[in-house]
Amino acid sequence: FMHSGYGAEYGGYDDYGAYYTDRIWSHKWAIFDADSWAWDPFESEEGVLVYEYHVETALYGTEGSGVTSIGVAAHETGHFLGLPDLYDTDYSSAGIDSWGIMSNSWGWDGTGGTPPSFCAWSKYALGWVEPTELEDSGVYTINDVQTNSDIYMVSNPFPDGEYLLIENRQAKGADKDSPQGGLLVWHIDEYWSGNTFEGYNGQNGWPENGYHYLTALLQADGLFELEQGGGADAQDVFHA
């Protein structure tokens, strides 16, 4: 669904004097019956069932008649397909920030007009790619994910549900505004359902607390800035 007016996600007051808390926040959800406290699909007179939905604003920003950007709608469509949020839902860290649309739908330029790609794990979870398992040391070629489906997986010596994914993300296409192209190395831990519980070297109580993101970027500079609330940057990428 697209609603008229301005979305709550743009914040502040809009042209009509409405504060963001009085506007609709773009979201994906399912129809719920508050009386029975259960999910309750709606059926039209024509027999059409409506269960899950997502809703976005038609207009961009808080003033004027510009059409909204595609980023938020693309993010919510990711939820429709079954993907979780990959930002930190308690906002104590940055998730994977602009390295994936399920974390930051606004993209590198902050407008939402060119949101980032789905990360390697999102594509794998949706069945869009089948990673190549790396079992031996050697020299390998990996093409960019903007024009190919190349993704490598390393699952040995990790326990079940934990592995690395490697992709070649270049600054072009949906990622044209990213600060650096190169290899993104992801640590996946399927024990977790999202990126709310950040864990990293130097964190108080880690590793005893067992915290991990579901999808963590192994940042090339080793500073764990995403886990500590910093933004994505060129130093996250492994490159020549």
C-alpha atoms as a PDB file:
ATOM      1  CA  PHE A   1       0.000   0.000   0.000  1.00  0.00           C
ATOM      2  CA  MET A   2       1.043   3.604  -0.551  1.00  0.00           C
ATOM      3  CA  HIS A   3      -0.523   6.251   1.652  1.00  0.00           C
ATOM      4  CA  SER A   4      -0.951   9.938   0.861  1.00  0.00           C
ATOM      5  CA  GLY A   5       1.077  12.625   2.563  1.00  0.00           C
ATOM      6  CA  TYR A   6       4.489  12.265   4.198  1.00  0.00           C
ATOM      7  CA  GLY A   7       5.984   9.326   6.079  1.00  0.00           C
ATOM      8  CA  ALA A   8       6.950   9.364   9.747  1.00  0.00           C
ATOM      9  CA  GLU A   9      10.446   8.140   8.875  1.00  0.00           C
ATOM     10  CA  TYR A  10      11.326  11.597   7.538  1.00  0.00           C
ATOM     11  CA  GLY A  11      10.930  13.058  11.028  1.00  0.00           C
ATOM     12  CA  GLY A  12      10.037  16.569  12.145  1.00  0.00           C
ATOM     13  CA  TYR A  13       6.945  18.504  11.071  1.00  0.00           C
ATOM     14  CA  ASP A  14       5.501  18.262   7.565  1.00  0.00           C
ATOM     15  CA  ASP A  15       3.828  20.835   5.307  1.00  0.00           C
ATOM     16  CA  TYR A  16       0.515  20.205   7.050  1.00  0.00           C
ATOM     17  CA  GLY A  17       1.923  20.845  10.514  1.00  0.00           C
ATOM     18  CA  ALA A  18       1.807  17.166  11.481  1.00  0.00           C
ATOM     19  CA  TYR A  19       4.642  15.943  13.702  1.00  0.00           C
ATOM     20  CA  TYR A  20       6.236  12.643  12.684  1.00  0.00           C
ATOM     21  CA  THR A  21       4.628  10.788  15.605  1.00  0.00           C
ATOM     22  CA  ASP A  22       1.229  11.604  14.076  1.00  0.00           C
ATOM     23  CA  ARG A  23       2.171  10.240  10.638  1.00  0.00           C
ATOM     24  CA  ILE A  24       2.383   6.671   9.327  1.00  0.00           C
ATOM     25  CA  TRP A  25       5.734   4.902   9.652  1.00  0.00           C
ATOM     26  CA  SER A  26       6.526   2.692   6.663  1.00  0.00           C
ATOM     27  CA  HIS A  27       6.446  -0.931   7.767  1.00  0.00           C
ATOM     28  CA  LYS A  28       5.647  -4.538   6.955  1.00  0.00           C
ATOM     29  CA  TRP A  29       3.201  -6.380   9.208  1.00  0.00           C
ATOM     30  CA  ALA A  30       0.229  -8.743   9.194  1.00  0.00           C
ATOM     31  CA  ILE A  31      -3.442  -8.059   9.934  1.00  0.00           C
ATOM     32  CA  PHE A  32      -4.123  -8.582  13.623  1.00  0.00           C
ATOM     33  CA  ASP A  33      -7.360  -8.938  15.593  1.00  0.00           C
ATOM     34  CA  ALA A  34      -6.865  -7.131  18.895  1.00  0.00           C
ATOM     35  CA  ASP A  35      -9.986  -8.723  20.401  1.00  0.00           C
ATOM     36  CA  SER A  36      -8.911 -12.325  19.858  1.00  0.00           C
ATOM     37  CA  TRP A  37      -5.197 -11.461  20.098  1.00  0.00           C
ATOM     38  CA  ALA A  38      -4.500 -13.468  16.950  1.00  0.00           C
ATOM     39  CA  TRP A  39      -3.480 -12.935  13.345  1.00  0.00           C
ATOM     40  CA  ASP A  40      -6.677 -12.550  11.335  1.00  0.00           C
ATOM     41  CA  PRO A  41      -6.523 -12.319   7.513  1.00  0.00           C
ATOM     42  CA  PHE A  42      -9.057 -10.016   5.883  1.00  0.00           C
ATOM     43  CA  GLU A  43     -11.284 -11.498   3.163  1.00  0.00           C
ATOM     44  CA  SER A  44     -12.923  -9.223   0.615  1.00  0.00           C
ATOM     45  CA  GLU A  45     -16.366  -9.807  -0.887  1.00  0.00           C
ATOM     46  CA  GLU A  46     -14.570 -11.207  -3.939  1.00  0.00           C
ATOM     47  CA  GLY A  47     -12.814 -13.805  -1.786  1.00  0.00           C
ATOM     48  CA  VAL A  48      -9.397 -12.132  -1.859  1.00  0.00           C
ATOM     49  CA  LEU A  49      -7.413 -12.778   1.318  1.00  0.00           C
ATOM     50  CA  VAL A  50      -5.116 -10.084   2.675  1.00  0.00           C
ATOM     51  CA  TYR A  51      -2.776 -11.224   5.434  1.00  0.00           C
ATOM     52  CA  GLU A  52       0.685  -9.679   5.295  1.00  0.00           C
ATOM     53  CA  TYR A  53       1.128  -6.188   3.893  1.00  0.00           C
ATOM     54  CA  HIS A  54       3.628  -3.387   3.697  1.00  0.00           C
ATOM     55  CA  VAL A  55       2.876   0.311   3.496  1.00  0.00           C
ATOM     56  CA  GLU A  56       4.974   3.279   2.376  1.00  0.00           C
ATOM     57  CA  THR A  57       4.458   6.982   1.851  1.00  0.00           C
ATOM     58  CA  ALA A  58       3.774   8.386  -1.606  1.00  0.00           C
ATOM     59  CA  LEU A  59       5.729  11.610  -1.058  1.00  0.00           C
ATOM     60  CA  TYR A  60       9.390  12.303  -0.349  1.00  0.00           C
ATOM     61  CA  GLY A  61      10.516  14.240   2.700  1.00  0.00           C
ATOM     62  CA  THR A  62       8.254  16.613   4.604  1.00  0.00           C
ATOM     63  CA  GLU A  63       7.338  19.204   1.973  1.00  0.00           C
ATOM     64  CA  GLY A  64       6.589  19.521  -1.716  1.00  0.00           C
ATOM     65  CA  SER A  65       5.160  16.983  -4.153  1.00  0.00           C
ATOM     66  CA  GLY A  66       8.226  14.907  -4.976  1.00  0.00           C
ATOM     67  CA  VAL A  67       7.606  11.165  -5.266  1.00  0.00           C
ATOM     68  CA  THR A  68       9.134   9.050  -2.507  1.00  0.00           C
ATOM     69  CA  SER A  69      12.393   7.212  -3.180  1.00  0.00           C
ATOM     70  CA  ILE A  70      12.556   3.448  -3.716  1.00  0.00           C
ATOM     71  CA  GLY A  71      14.737   2.530  -0.719  1.00  0.00           C
ATOM     72  CA  VAL A  72      12.150   2.014   2.014  1.00  0.00           C
ATOM     73  CA  ALA A  73       9.778   0.131  -0.314  1.00  0.00           C
ATOM     74  CA  ALA A  74      12.645  -2.149  -1.378  1.00  0.00           C
ATOM     75  CA  HIS A  75      13.584  -2.786   2.261  1.00  0.00           C
ATOM     76  CA  GLU A  76       9.996  -3.653   3.202  1.00  0.00           C
ATOM     77  CA  THR A  77       9.749  -5.919   0.153  1.00  0.00           C
ATOM     78  CA  GLY A  78      12.772  -7.742   1.573  1.00  0.00           C
ATOM     79  CA  HIS A  79      10.685  -8.398   4.686  1.00  0.00           C
ATOM     80  CA  PHE A  80       7.859  -9.620   2.447  1.00  0.00           C
ATOM     81  CA  LEU A  81      10.276 -12.173   1.008  1.00  0.00           C
ATOM     82  CA  GLY A  82      11.213 -13.335   4.510  1.00  0.00           C
ATOM     83  CA  LEU A  83      14.345 -11.370   5.417  1.00  0.00           C
ATOM     84  CA  PRO A  84      14.906  -9.888   8.887  1.00  0.00           C
ATOM     85  CA  ASP A  85      16.188  -6.430   9.697  1.00  0.00           C
ATOM     86  CA  LEU A  86      19.981  -6.361   9.698  1.00  0.00           C
ATOM     87  CA  TYR A  87      20.267  -3.068  11.536  1.00  0.00           C
ATOM     88  CA  ASP A  88      20.429  -3.214  15.318  1.00  0.00           C
ATOM     89  CA  THR A  89      16.806  -2.988  16.438  1.00  0.00           C
ATOM     90  CA  ASP A  90      17.767  -1.562  19.845  1.00  0.00           C
ATOM     91  CA  TYR A  91      20.008   1.006  18.111  1.00  0.00           C
ATOM     92  CA  SER A  92      23.054   0.294  20.296  1.00  0.00           C
ATOM     93  CA  SER A  93      25.159  -0.481  17.210  1.00  0.00           C
ATOM     94  CA  ALA A  94      25.075  -0.006  13.431  1.00  0.00           C
ATOM     95  CA  GLY A  95      24.318  -3.523  12.198  1.00  0.00           C
ATOM     96  CA  ILE A  96      25.805  -3.752   8.711  1.00  0.00           C
ATOM     97  CA  ASP A  97      24.836  -0.147   7.878  1.00  0.00           C
ATOM     98  CA  SER A  98      25.086   0.699   4.162  1.00  0.00           C
ATOM     99  CA  TRP A  99      26.590  -2.653   3.180  1.00  0.00           C
ATOM    100  CA  GLY A 100      23.066  -4.084   2.888  1.00  0.00           C
ATOM    101  CA  ILE A 101      19.574  -2.795   2.161  1.00  0.00           C
ATOM    102  CA  MET A 102      18.105  -4.730   5.097  1.00  0.00           C
ATOM    103  CA  SER A 103      20.203  -2.520   7.364  1.00  0.00           C
ATOM    104  CA  ASN A 104      20.172   0.879   5.656  1.00  0.00           C
ATOM    105  CA  SER A 105      17.590   1.502   2.955  1.00  0.00           C
ATOM    106  CA  TRP A 106      18.699   5.130   2.549  1.00  0.00           C
ATOM    107  CA  GLY A 107      21.956   4.153   0.856  1.00  0.00           C
ATOM    108  CA  TRP A 108      25.326   5.832   0.773  1.00  0.00           C
ATOM    109  CA  ASP A 109      23.946   9.200  -0.345  1.00  0.00           C
ATOM    110  CA  GLY A 110      21.203   9.209   2.303  1.00  0.00           C
ATOM    111  CA  THR A 111      18.327   9.805  -0.132  1.00  0.00           C
ATOM    112  CA  GLY A 112      16.981   6.275  -0.614  1.00  0.00           C
ATOM    113  CA  GLY A 113      17.148   6.799  -4.371  1.00  0.00           C
ATOM    114  CA  THR A 114      19.909   4.233  -4.861  1.00  0.00           C
ATOM    115  CA  PRO A 115      19.688   1.862  -1.888  1.00  0.00           C
ATOM    116  CA  PRO A 116      22.537  -0.642  -1.443  1.00  0.00           C
ATOM    117  CA  SER A 117      22.495  -4.216  -2.669  1.00  0.00           C
ATOM    118  CA  PHE A 118      21.199  -7.145  -0.682  1.00  0.00           C
ATOM    119  CA  CYS A 119      24.202  -8.572   1.154  1.00  0.00           C
ATOM    120  CA  ALA A 120      25.609 -12.021   0.399  1.00  0.00           C
ATOM    121  CA  TRP A 121      23.695 -13.662   3.258  1.00  0.00           C
ATOM    122  CA  SER A 122      20.366 -12.134   2.193  1.00  0.00           C
ATOM    123  CA  LYS A 123      20.804 -13.516  -1.320  1.00  0.00           C
ATOM    124  CA  TYR A 124      21.793 -16.915   0.056  1.00  0.00           C
ATOM    125  CA  ALA A 125      18.859 -16.987   2.506  1.00  0.00           C
ATOM    126  CA  LEU A 126      16.441 -16.230  -0.343  1.00  0.00           C
ATOM    127  CA  GLY A 127      17.903 -18.962  -2.539  1.00  0.00           C
ATOM    128  CA  TRP A 128      19.083 -16.472  -5.146  1.00  0.00           C
ATOM    129  CA  VAL A 129      22.666 -17.747  -5.051  1.00  0.00           C
ATOM    130  CA  GLU A 130      24.401 -21.016  -4.253  1.00  0.00           C
ATOM    131  CA  PRO A 131      27.793 -20.265  -2.695  1.00  0.00           C
ATOM    132  CA  THR A 132      30.877 -22.204  -3.743  1.00  0.00           C
ATOM    133  CA  GLU A 133      32.446 -23.985  -0.773  1.00  0.00           C
ATOM    134  CA  LEU A 134      36.165 -23.346  -0.325  1.00  0.00           C
ATOM    135  CA  GLU A 135      37.811 -26.418   1.166  1.00  0.00           C
ATOM    136  CA  ASP A 136      41.441 -26.064   0.108  1.00  0.00           C
ATOM    137  CA  SER A 137      43.995 -23.287   0.115  1.00  0.00           C
ATOM    138  CA  GLY A 138      44.700 -21.841  -3.305  1.00  0.00           C
ATOM    139  CA  VAL A 139      44.279 -18.900  -5.639  1.00  0.00           C
ATOM    140  CA  TYR A 140      40.673 -18.164  -6.561  1.00  0.00           C
ATOM    141  CA  THR A 141      38.899 -15.704  -8.843  1.00  0.00           C
ATOM    142  CA  ILE A 142      35.674 -14.050  -7.702  1.00  0.00           C
ATOM    143  CA  ASN A 143      33.649 -11.814 -10.006  1.00  0.00           C
ATOM    144  CA  ASP A 144      31.683  -8.809  -8.787  1.00  0.00           C
ATOM    145  CA  VAL A 145      28.192  -9.504  -7.460  1.00  0.00           C
ATOM    146  CA  GLN A 146      26.646  -6.682  -9.453  1.00  0.00           C
ATOM    147  CA  THR A 147      26.998  -8.702 -12.670  1.00  0.00           C
ATOM    148  CA  ASN A 148      27.601 -12.258 -11.397  1.00  0.00           C
ATOM    149  CA  SER A 149      26.379 -14.630  -8.703  1.00  0.00           C
ATOM    150  CA  ASP A 150      29.834 -15.498  -7.343  1.00  0.00           C
ATOM    151  CA  ILE A 151      29.877 -15.984  -3.573  1.00  0.00           C
ATOM    152  CA  TYR A 152      32.315 -18.183  -1.669  1.00  0.00           C
ATOM    153  CA  MET A 153      31.554 -20.012   1.578  1.00  0.00           C
ATOM    154  CA  VAL A 154      33.935 -21.238   4.282  1.00  0.00           C
ATOM    155  CA  SER A 155      32.218 -23.536   6.785  1.00  0.00           C
ATOM    156  CA  ASN A 156      35.198 -25.527   8.111  1.00  0.00           C
ATOM    157  CA  PRO A 157      36.071 -25.463  11.050  1.00  0.00           C
ATOM    158  CA  PHE A 158      32.903 -23.688  12.236  1.00  0.00           C
ATOM    159  CA  PRO A 159      30.001 -25.485  13.990  1.00  0.00           C
ATOM    160  CA  ASP A 160      26.709 -26.061  12.165  1.00  0.00           C
ATOM    161  CA  GLY A 161      24.964 -22.823  11.261  1.00  0.00           C
ATOM    162  CA  GLU A 162      28.136 -20.756  11.421  1.00  0.00           C
ATOM    163  CA  TYR A 163      30.246 -19.901   8.379  1.00  0.00           C
ATOM    164  CA  LEU A 164      31.879 -17.171   6.318  1.00  0.00           C
ATOM    165  CA  LEU A 165      30.547 -15.741   3.063  1.00  0.00           C
ATOM    166  CA  ILE A 166      32.808 -13.790   0.704  1.00  0.00           C
ATOM    167  CA  GLU A 167      31.585 -11.456  -2.033  1.00  0.00           C
ATOM    168  CA  ASN A 168      33.241  -9.020  -4.438  1.00  0.00           C
ATOM    169  CA  ARG A 169      31.292  -5.758  -4.076  1.00  0.00           C
ATOM    170  CA  GLN A 170      32.323  -2.972  -6.443  1.00  0.00           C
ATOM    171  CA  ALA A 171      31.307   0.686  -6.471  1.00  0.00           C
ATOM    172  CA  LYS A 172      28.811   0.476  -9.304  1.00  0.00           C
ATOM    173  CA  GLY A 173      25.140  -0.189  -9.908  1.00  0.00           C
ATOM    174  CA  ALA A 174      23.166   0.015  -6.680  1.00  0.00           C
ATOM    175  CA  ASP A 175      26.460   0.463  -4.832  1.00  0.00           C
ATOM    176  CA  LYS A 176      27.859   3.198  -7.058  1.00  0.00           C
ATOM    177  CA  ASP A 177      28.223   5.612  -4.140  1.00  0.00           C
ATOM    178  CA  SER A 178      30.083   3.201  -1.854  1.00  0.00           C
ATOM    179  CA  PRO A 179      33.516   4.523  -0.867  1.00  0.00           C
ATOM    180  CA  GLN A 180      35.548   1.472  -1.870  1.00  0.00           C
ATOM    181  CA  GLY A 181      35.168  -1.680  -3.939  1.00  0.00           C
ATOM    182  CA  GLY A 182      36.665  -4.997  -2.913  1.00  0.00           C
ATOM    183  CA  LEU A 183      35.955  -8.107  -0.890  1.00  0.00           C
ATOM    184  CA  LEU A 184      33.338  -8.154   1.846  1.00  0.00           C
ATOM    185  CA  VAL A 185      33.816 -11.026   4.285  1.00  0.00           C
ATOM    186  CA  TRP A 186      30.730 -11.917   6.299  1.00  0.00           C
ATOM    187  CA  HIS A 187      30.581 -13.957   9.493  1.00  0.00           C
ATOM    188  CA  ILE A 188      27.200 -15.684   9.725  1.00  0.00           C
ATOM    189  CA  ASP A 189      25.836 -17.200  12.930  1.00  0.00           C
ATOM    190  CA  GLU A 190      22.365 -18.639  12.358  1.00  0.00           C
ATOM    191  CA  TYR A 191      21.843 -19.179  16.085  1.00  0.00           C
ATOM    192  CA  TRP A 192      20.778 -15.532  16.127  1.00  0.00           C
ATOM    193  CA  SER A 193      17.720 -14.174  14.321  1.00  0.00           C
ATOM    194  CA  GLY A 194      19.006 -10.652  13.735  1.00  0.00           C
ATOM    195  CA  ASN A 195      21.666  -8.070  14.519  1.00  0.00           C
ATOM    196  CA  THR A 196      20.499  -6.852  17.921  1.00  0.00           C
ATOM    197  CA  PHE A 197      23.207  -8.480  20.063  1.00  0.00           C
ATOM    198  CA  GLU A 198      26.567  -7.154  18.929  1.00  0.00           C
ATOM    199  CA  GLY A 199      29.691  -8.965  20.111  1.00  0.00           C
ATOM    200  CA  TYR A 200      33.295  -8.023  19.424  1.00  0.00           C
ATOM    201  CA  ASN A 201      36.868  -8.157  20.718  1.00  0.00           C
ATOM    202  CA  GLY A 202      37.258  -5.712  23.576  1.00  0.00           C
ATOM    203  CA  GLN A 203      33.562  -5.646  24.486  1.00  0.00           C
ATOM    204  CA  ASN A 204      32.931  -5.945  28.216  1.00  0.00           C
ATOM    205  CA  GLY A 205      31.834  -9.538  28.897  1.00  0.00           C
ATOM    206  CA  TRP A 206      32.728 -10.892  25.455  1.00  0.00           C
ATOM    207  CA  PRO A 207      33.169 -13.701  24.410  1.00  0.00           C
ATOM    208  CA  GLU A 208      31.633 -15.158  27.571  1.00  0.00           C
ATOM    209  CA  ASN A 209      28.300 -13.472  26.777  1.00  0.00           C
ATOM    210  CA  GLY A 210      28.160 -15.414  23.494  1.00  0.00           C
ATOM    211  CA  TYR A 211      26.873 -12.395  21.576  1.00  0.00           C
ATOM    212  CA  HIS A 212      27.054 -12.347  17.781  1.00  0.00           C
ATOM    213  CA  TYR A 213      25.213 -10.665  14.989  1.00  0.00           C
ATOM    214  CA  LEU A 214      23.336 -13.013  12.684  1.00  0.00           C
ATOM    215  CA  THR A 215      25.190 -11.285   9.838  1.00  0.00           C
ATOM    216  CA  ALA A 216      28.412  -9.519  10.798  1.00  0.00           C
ATOM    217  CA  LEU A 217      30.844  -7.845   8.433  1.00  0.00           C
ATOM    218  CA  LEU A 218      34.454  -8.715   9.255  1.00  0.00           C
ATOM    219  CA  GLN A 219      35.826  -5.220   8.800  1.00  0.00           C
ATOM    220  CA  ALA A 220      39.237  -5.122   7.141  1.00  0.00           C
ATOM    221  CA  ASP A 221      40.615  -2.556   9.589  1.00  0.00           C
ATOM    222  CA  GLY A 222      39.697  -4.766  12.563  1.00  0.00           C
ATOM    223  CA  LEU A 223      38.232  -1.855  14.524  1.00  0.00           C
ATOM    224  CA  PHE A 224      34.679  -3.244  14.979  1.00  0.00           C
ATOM    225  CA  GLU A 225      33.287   0.219  14.302  1.00  0.00           C
ATOM    226  CA  LEU A 226      29.923  -1.135  13.106  1.00  0.00           C
ATOM    227  CA  GLU A 227      29.454  -3.052  16.357  1.00  0.00           C
ATOM    228  CA  GLN A 228      30.354   0.099  18.303  1.00  0.00           C
ATOM    229  CA  GLY A 229      27.851   2.313  16.489  1.00  0.00           C
ATOM    230  CA  GLY A 230      30.096   3.778  13.799  1.00  0.00           C
ATOM    231  CA  GLY A 231      29.130   3.910  10.142  1.00  0.00           C
ATOM    232  CA  ALA A 232      30.261   1.841   7.184  1.00  0.00           C
ATOM    233  CA  ASP A 233      33.427   3.140   5.516  1.00  0.00           C
ATOM    234  CA  ALA A 234      36.126   2.339   2.953  1.00  0.00           C
ATOM    235  CA  GLN A 235      38.272   0.626   5.587  1.00  0.00           C
ATOM    236  CA  ASP A 236      35.677  -2.153   5.960  1.00  0.00           C
ATOM    237  CA  VAL A 237      36.665  -3.612   2.570  1.00  0.00           C
ATOM    238  CA  PHE A 238      39.556  -5.940   1.738  1.00  0.00           C
ATOM    239  CA  HIS A 239      41.197  -4.673  -1.441  1.00  0.00           C
ATOM    240  CA  ALA A 240      44.524  -4.525  -3.272  1.00  0.00           C
END
